[in-house]
Amino acid sequence: MQLIFMGPPGAGKGTQAQILAALWKIPHISTGDILRACVVAKTALGLQAKAYMDAGELVPDQLLMDIVQERMNQPDASAGWILDGFPRTVAQAAFFDKLLCDVGVEGSTSGKDCDLRAVNLDVPDNVLVTRLLSRGRQDDNEETIRRRLQVYREQTEPLIEFYSAREQLVAVDGDRDMGLVTAELQQALSGDS
């Protein structure tokens, strides 16, 4: 099972990915967690990423691509995975197609033959702002949150069309009880396991 979880900040991607990864015994690969760990460890990549994250901007493609490629080469990712936070742009998605072929993940070829599924959790902006403010993270103030949502709409939403056109998109209403969202995801993806 190869899944990409998409949706705006605060949509519940990480939570749902963790639940399903545990159920299906595959790794949940979160670029956000990897980036935050780099920031805490004050690695060279972390220091570069922190400046972008603090401004509410997306971390540049090349930085994310290097992180994702390194992670996808680890043995636990060979049997399947749930990727959260990447790709964020159509350019990254095109890179990711190439990466899947290069690392030789079983069944991973570009186009319709790929068993990759992109899951989009849709949640209204006003709900997202409330959710993110309630998390209490240092980088989550209303101005930064609204900027992150704007950046998401501009740069990431085209992925919905990209994966829809390839018949790889699974859309789910994320503005409901967490258990209901999990149940719908399990049902929608059960044919792909």
C-alpha atoms as a PDB file:
ATOM      1  CA  MET A   1       0.000   0.000   0.000  1.00  0.00           C
ATOM      2  CA  GLN A   2       1.415   3.335  -1.078  1.00  0.00           C
ATOM      3  CA  LEU A   3      -0.500   6.375   0.133  1.00  0.00           C
ATOM      4  CA  ILE A   4       0.050  10.103   0.028  1.00  0.00           C
ATOM      5  CA  PHE A   5      -1.996  12.107   2.529  1.00  0.00           C
ATOM      6  CA  MET A   6      -2.883  15.616   1.369  1.00  0.00           C
ATOM      7  CA  GLY A   7      -4.927  18.440   2.791  1.00  0.00           C
ATOM      8  CA  PRO A   8      -4.365  21.845   4.326  1.00  0.00           C
ATOM      9  CA  PRO A   9      -2.496  22.341   7.618  1.00  0.00           C
ATOM     10  CA  GLY A  10      -4.715  21.121  10.471  1.00  0.00           C
ATOM     11  CA  ALA A  11      -6.858  18.811   8.319  1.00  0.00           C
ATOM     12  CA  GLY A  12      -5.868  15.753  10.364  1.00  0.00           C
ATOM     13  CA  LYS A  13      -3.442  14.171   7.896  1.00  0.00           C
ATOM     14  CA  GLY A  14      -0.908  13.212  10.546  1.00  0.00           C
ATOM     15  CA  THR A  15      -3.480  11.805  12.954  1.00  0.00           C
ATOM     16  CA  GLN A  16      -5.208   9.692  10.312  1.00  0.00           C
ATOM     17  CA  ALA A  17      -1.895   8.561   8.832  1.00  0.00           C
ATOM     18  CA  GLN A  18      -0.677   7.395  12.267  1.00  0.00           C
ATOM     19  CA  ILE A  19      -3.886   5.453  12.926  1.00  0.00           C
ATOM     20  CA  LEU A  20      -3.899   3.721   9.539  1.00  0.00           C
ATOM     21  CA  ALA A  21      -0.148   3.038   9.564  1.00  0.00           C
ATOM     22  CA  ALA A  22      -0.541   1.256  12.902  1.00  0.00           C
ATOM     23  CA  LEU A  23      -3.552  -0.740  11.638  1.00  0.00           C
ATOM     24  CA  TRP A  24      -1.822  -1.771   8.413  1.00  0.00           C
ATOM     25  CA  LYS A  25       1.668  -2.139   9.962  1.00  0.00           C
ATOM     26  CA  ILE A  26       3.389   0.177   7.483  1.00  0.00           C
ATOM     27  CA  PRO A  27       5.477   3.276   8.269  1.00  0.00           C
ATOM     28  CA  HIS A  28       3.947   6.732   8.555  1.00  0.00           C
ATOM     29  CA  ILE A  29       6.493   9.045   6.970  1.00  0.00           C
ATOM     30  CA  SER A  30       5.849  12.657   7.979  1.00  0.00           C
ATOM     31  CA  THR A  31       8.041  15.293   6.386  1.00  0.00           C
ATOM     32  CA  GLY A  32       6.817  17.742   9.033  1.00  0.00           C
ATOM     33  CA  ASP A  33       8.105  15.487  11.840  1.00  0.00           C
ATOM     34  CA  ILE A  34      11.400  14.954  10.045  1.00  0.00           C
ATOM     35  CA  LEU A  35      11.806  18.721   9.522  1.00  0.00           C
ATOM     36  CA  ARG A  36      10.933  19.542  13.147  1.00  0.00           C
ATOM     37  CA  ALA A  37      13.463  16.947  14.323  1.00  0.00           C
ATOM     38  CA  CYS A  38      16.124  18.589  12.119  1.00  0.00           C
ATOM     39  CA  VAL A  39      15.231  21.991  13.613  1.00  0.00           C
ATOM     40  CA  VAL A  40      15.494  20.674  17.186  1.00  0.00           C
ATOM     41  CA  ALA A  41      18.802  18.958  16.390  1.00  0.00           C
ATOM     42  CA  LYS A  42      20.010  22.190  14.729  1.00  0.00           C
ATOM     43  CA  THR A  43      21.307  20.326  11.697  1.00  0.00           C
ATOM     44  CA  ALA A  44      22.321  22.337   8.634  1.00  0.00           C
ATOM     45  CA  LEU A  45      19.078  21.312   6.941  1.00  0.00           C
ATOM     46  CA  GLY A  46      17.102  22.124  10.080  1.00  0.00           C
ATOM     47  CA  LEU A  47      18.503  25.634  10.312  1.00  0.00           C
ATOM     48  CA  GLN A  48      17.663  26.278   6.652  1.00  0.00           C
ATOM     49  CA  ALA A  49      14.184  24.834   7.051  1.00  0.00           C
ATOM     50  CA  LYS A  50      13.461  26.788  10.257  1.00  0.00           C
ATOM     51  CA  ALA A  51      13.679  30.152   8.488  1.00  0.00           C
ATOM     52  CA  TYR A  52      11.038  29.059   5.963  1.00  0.00           C
ATOM     53  CA  MET A  53       8.808  27.421   8.579  1.00  0.00           C
ATOM     54  CA  ASP A  54       8.902  30.454  10.884  1.00  0.00           C
ATOM     55  CA  ALA A  55       7.723  32.656   7.998  1.00  0.00           C
ATOM     56  CA  GLY A  56       4.855  30.278   7.165  1.00  0.00           C
ATOM     57  CA  GLU A  57       6.475  29.375   3.833  1.00  0.00           C
ATOM     58  CA  LEU A  58       6.981  25.936   2.337  1.00  0.00           C
ATOM     59  CA  VAL A  59      10.458  24.464   2.635  1.00  0.00           C
ATOM     60  CA  PRO A  60      12.076  24.532  -0.851  1.00  0.00           C
ATOM     61  CA  ASP A  61      11.635  21.479  -3.067  1.00  0.00           C
ATOM     62  CA  GLN A  62      15.259  20.363  -3.080  1.00  0.00           C
ATOM     63  CA  LEU A  63      15.480  20.223   0.723  1.00  0.00           C
ATOM     64  CA  LEU A  64      12.322  18.115   0.951  1.00  0.00           C
ATOM     65  CA  MET A  65      13.332  15.901  -1.949  1.00  0.00           C
ATOM     66  CA  ASP A  66      16.628  15.030  -0.280  1.00  0.00           C
ATOM     67  CA  ILE A  67      14.855  14.150   2.989  1.00  0.00           C
ATOM     68  CA  VAL A  68      12.185  12.051   1.283  1.00  0.00           C
ATOM     69  CA  GLN A  69      14.643  10.176  -0.913  1.00  0.00           C
ATOM     70  CA  GLU A  70      16.789   9.273   2.089  1.00  0.00           C
ATOM     71  CA  ARG A  71      13.721   8.048   4.016  1.00  0.00           C
ATOM     72  CA  MET A  72      12.312   6.018   1.108  1.00  0.00           C
ATOM     73  CA  ASN A  73      15.600   4.118   0.859  1.00  0.00           C
ATOM     74  CA  GLN A  74      15.175   2.694   4.377  1.00  0.00           C
ATOM     75  CA  PRO A  75      14.193  -1.010   4.568  1.00  0.00           C
ATOM     76  CA  ASP A  76      10.902  -0.537   6.446  1.00  0.00           C
ATOM     77  CA  ALA A  77       9.480   1.444   3.511  1.00  0.00           C
ATOM     78  CA  SER A  78       9.851  -1.429   1.049  1.00  0.00           C
ATOM     79  CA  ALA A  79       6.490  -3.056   1.874  1.00  0.00           C
ATOM     80  CA  GLY A  80       4.392   0.110   1.757  1.00  0.00           C
ATOM     81  CA  TRP A  81       3.994   3.457   3.490  1.00  0.00           C
ATOM     82  CA  ILE A  82       1.848   6.471   4.184  1.00  0.00           C
ATOM     83  CA  LEU A  83       3.536   9.713   3.191  1.00  0.00           C
ATOM     84  CA  ASP A  84       2.351  12.872   4.945  1.00  0.00           C
ATOM     85  CA  GLY A  85       3.481  16.335   3.849  1.00  0.00           C
ATOM     86  CA  PHE A  86       5.046  15.426   0.515  1.00  0.00           C
ATOM     87  CA  PRO A  87       4.593  16.054  -2.356  1.00  0.00           C
ATOM     88  CA  ARG A  88       3.283  19.596  -1.921  1.00  0.00           C
ATOM     89  CA  THR A  89       3.593  20.785  -5.504  1.00  0.00           C
ATOM     90  CA  VAL A  90       3.069  19.254  -8.952  1.00  0.00           C
ATOM     91  CA  ALA A  91       6.838  19.527  -9.534  1.00  0.00           C
ATOM     92  CA  GLN A  92       7.438  17.467  -6.376  1.00  0.00           C
ATOM     93  CA  ALA A  93       4.819  14.940  -7.510  1.00  0.00           C
ATOM     94  CA  ALA A  94       6.627  14.507 -10.841  1.00  0.00           C
ATOM     95  CA  PHE A  95       9.911  14.059  -8.930  1.00  0.00           C
ATOM     96  CA  PHE A  96       8.217  11.549  -6.646  1.00  0.00           C
ATOM     97  CA  ASP A  97       7.072   9.451  -9.622  1.00  0.00           C
ATOM     98  CA  LYS A  98      10.699   9.280 -10.749  1.00  0.00           C
ATOM     99  CA  LEU A  99      11.877   8.499  -7.207  1.00  0.00           C
ATOM    100  CA  LEU A 100       9.475   5.570  -6.885  1.00  0.00           C
ATOM    101  CA  CYS A 101      10.863   4.073 -10.060  1.00  0.00           C
ATOM    102  CA  ASP A 102      14.477   4.736  -9.033  1.00  0.00           C
ATOM    103  CA  VAL A 103      14.194   3.100  -5.591  1.00  0.00           C
ATOM    104  CA  GLY A 104      12.320   0.180  -7.101  1.00  0.00           C
ATOM    105  CA  VAL A 105       9.317   0.164  -4.786  1.00  0.00           C
ATOM    106  CA  GLU A 106       7.249  -2.816  -5.916  1.00  0.00           C
ATOM    107  CA  GLY A 107       4.423  -1.831  -8.237  1.00  0.00           C
ATOM    108  CA  SER A 108       5.660   1.737  -8.494  1.00  0.00           C
ATOM    109  CA  THR A 109       5.635   2.937 -12.042  1.00  0.00           C
ATOM    110  CA  SER A 110       4.401   6.266 -13.263  1.00  0.00           C
ATOM    111  CA  GLY A 111       0.871   6.710 -14.497  1.00  0.00           C
ATOM    112  CA  LYS A 112      -2.161   4.480 -14.038  1.00  0.00           C
ATOM    113  CA  ASP A 113      -0.148   1.295 -13.419  1.00  0.00           C
ATOM    114  CA  CYS A 114       1.104   2.670 -10.107  1.00  0.00           C
ATOM    115  CA  ASP A 115      -0.774   1.500  -7.017  1.00  0.00           C
ATOM    116  CA  LEU A 116      -0.180   4.871  -5.389  1.00  0.00           C
ATOM    117  CA  ARG A 117      -3.260   6.577  -3.929  1.00  0.00           C
ATOM    118  CA  ALA A 118      -3.463  10.242  -2.967  1.00  0.00           C
ATOM    119  CA  VAL A 119      -5.898  10.903  -0.122  1.00  0.00           C
ATOM    120  CA  ASN A 120      -7.235  14.437   0.230  1.00  0.00           C
ATOM    121  CA  LEU A 121      -8.770  15.468   3.560  1.00  0.00           C
ATOM    122  CA  ASP A 122     -10.998  18.478   2.939  1.00  0.00           C
ATOM    123  CA  VAL A 123     -11.740  20.876   5.832  1.00  0.00           C
ATOM    124  CA  PRO A 124     -13.048  24.503   5.698  1.00  0.00           C
ATOM    125  CA  ASP A 125     -10.517  27.254   6.500  1.00  0.00           C
ATOM    126  CA  ASN A 126     -12.372  28.588   9.571  1.00  0.00           C
ATOM    127  CA  VAL A 127     -12.284  25.103  11.125  1.00  0.00           C
ATOM    128  CA  LEU A 128      -8.573  24.766  10.287  1.00  0.00           C
ATOM    129  CA  VAL A 129      -7.673  28.089  11.959  1.00  0.00           C
ATOM    130  CA  THR A 130      -9.519  27.054  15.139  1.00  0.00           C
ATOM    131  CA  ARG A 131      -7.855  23.623  15.159  1.00  0.00           C
ATOM    132  CA  LEU A 132      -4.364  25.017  14.614  1.00  0.00           C
ATOM    133  CA  LEU A 133      -4.707  27.736  17.253  1.00  0.00           C
ATOM    134  CA  SER A 134      -5.845  25.113  19.771  1.00  0.00           C
ATOM    135  CA  ARG A 135      -2.653  23.051  19.212  1.00  0.00           C
ATOM    136  CA  GLY A 136      -0.617  25.781  20.877  1.00  0.00           C
ATOM    137  CA  ARG A 137       2.523  25.333  18.785  1.00  0.00           C
ATOM    138  CA  GLN A 138       4.984  28.212  18.880  1.00  0.00           C
ATOM    139  CA  ASP A 139       4.757  28.707  15.104  1.00  0.00           C
ATOM    140  CA  ASP A 140       0.914  28.655  15.076  1.00  0.00           C
ATOM    141  CA  ASN A 141      -0.407  32.220  15.404  1.00  0.00           C
ATOM    142  CA  GLU A 142      -3.401  33.349  13.348  1.00  0.00           C
ATOM    143  CA  GLU A 143      -1.366  35.429  10.881  1.00  0.00           C
ATOM    144  CA  THR A 144       1.068  32.596  10.198  1.00  0.00           C
ATOM    145  CA  ILE A 145      -1.776  30.062   9.956  1.00  0.00           C
ATOM    146  CA  ARG A 146      -3.659  32.154   7.401  1.00  0.00           C
ATOM    147  CA  ARG A 147      -0.428  32.592   5.411  1.00  0.00           C
ATOM    148  CA  ARG A 148       0.171  28.827   5.479  1.00  0.00           C
ATOM    149  CA  LEU A 149      -3.378  28.234   4.219  1.00  0.00           C
ATOM    150  CA  GLN A 150      -2.846  30.770   1.419  1.00  0.00           C
ATOM    151  CA  VAL A 151       0.436  29.104   0.429  1.00  0.00           C
ATOM    152  CA  TYR A 152      -1.326  25.725   0.512  1.00  0.00           C
ATOM    153  CA  ARG A 153      -4.135  26.936  -1.754  1.00  0.00           C
ATOM    154  CA  GLU A 154      -1.689  28.442  -4.231  1.00  0.00           C
ATOM    155  CA  GLN A 155       0.915  25.706  -4.377  1.00  0.00           C
ATOM    156  CA  THR A 156      -0.583  22.442  -3.176  1.00  0.00           C
ATOM    157  CA  GLU A 157      -4.187  22.397  -4.368  1.00  0.00           C
ATOM    158  CA  PRO A 158      -3.098  21.773  -7.999  1.00  0.00           C
ATOM    159  CA  LEU A 159      -2.058  18.313  -6.754  1.00  0.00           C
ATOM    160  CA  ILE A 160      -5.733  17.465  -6.306  1.00  0.00           C
ATOM    161  CA  GLU A 161      -6.253  17.924 -10.041  1.00  0.00           C
ATOM    162  CA  PHE A 162      -2.942  16.163 -10.819  1.00  0.00           C
ATOM    163  CA  TYR A 163      -3.918  12.984  -8.948  1.00  0.00           C
ATOM    164  CA  SER A 164      -7.577  13.198  -9.963  1.00  0.00           C
ATOM    165  CA  ALA A 165      -6.601  13.238 -13.643  1.00  0.00           C
ATOM    166  CA  ARG A 166      -4.529  10.087 -13.007  1.00  0.00           C
ATOM    167  CA  GLU A 167      -7.479   8.416 -11.232  1.00  0.00           C
ATOM    168  CA  GLN A 168      -5.377   8.120  -8.057  1.00  0.00           C
ATOM    169  CA  LEU A 169      -7.328  10.565  -5.854  1.00  0.00           C
ATOM    170  CA  VAL A 170      -9.467   9.537  -2.872  1.00  0.00           C
ATOM    171  CA  ALA A 171     -11.345  12.553  -1.427  1.00  0.00           C
ATOM    172  CA  VAL A 172     -12.656  12.461   2.153  1.00  0.00           C
ATOM    173  CA  ASP A 173     -14.536  15.046   4.248  1.00  0.00           C
ATOM    174  CA  GLY A 174     -12.171  15.717   7.153  1.00  0.00           C
ATOM    175  CA  ASP A 175     -14.586  18.009   9.024  1.00  0.00           C
ATOM    176  CA  ARG A 176     -16.160  15.203  11.050  1.00  0.00           C
ATOM    177  CA  ASP A 177     -15.514  13.056  14.080  1.00  0.00           C
ATOM    178  CA  MET A 178     -12.061  11.478  13.869  1.00  0.00           C
ATOM    179  CA  GLY A 179     -13.472   7.942  14.062  1.00  0.00           C
ATOM    180  CA  LEU A 180     -15.869   8.569  11.171  1.00  0.00           C
ATOM    181  CA  VAL A 181     -13.021   9.898   9.018  1.00  0.00           C
ATOM    182  CA  THR A 182     -10.893   6.838   9.870  1.00  0.00           C
ATOM    183  CA  ALA A 183     -13.750   4.470   9.016  1.00  0.00           C
ATOM    184  CA  GLU A 184     -14.357   6.160   5.654  1.00  0.00           C
ATOM    185  CA  LEU A 185     -10.648   6.021   4.838  1.00  0.00           C
ATOM    186  CA  GLN A 186     -10.479   2.316   5.696  1.00  0.00           C
ATOM    187  CA  GLN A 187     -13.502   1.598   3.511  1.00  0.00           C
ATOM    188  CA  ALA A 188     -12.275   3.732   0.594  1.00  0.00           C
ATOM    189  CA  LEU A 189      -8.783   2.224   0.643  1.00  0.00           C
ATOM    190  CA  SER A 190      -9.573  -1.392   1.580  1.00  0.00           C
ATOM    191  CA  GLY A 191      -9.540  -2.492  -2.032  1.00  0.00           C
ATOM    192  CA  ASP A 192      -5.952  -1.237  -2.316  1.00  0.00           C
ATOM    193  CA  SER A 193      -4.439  -3.203   0.574  1.00  0.00           C
END
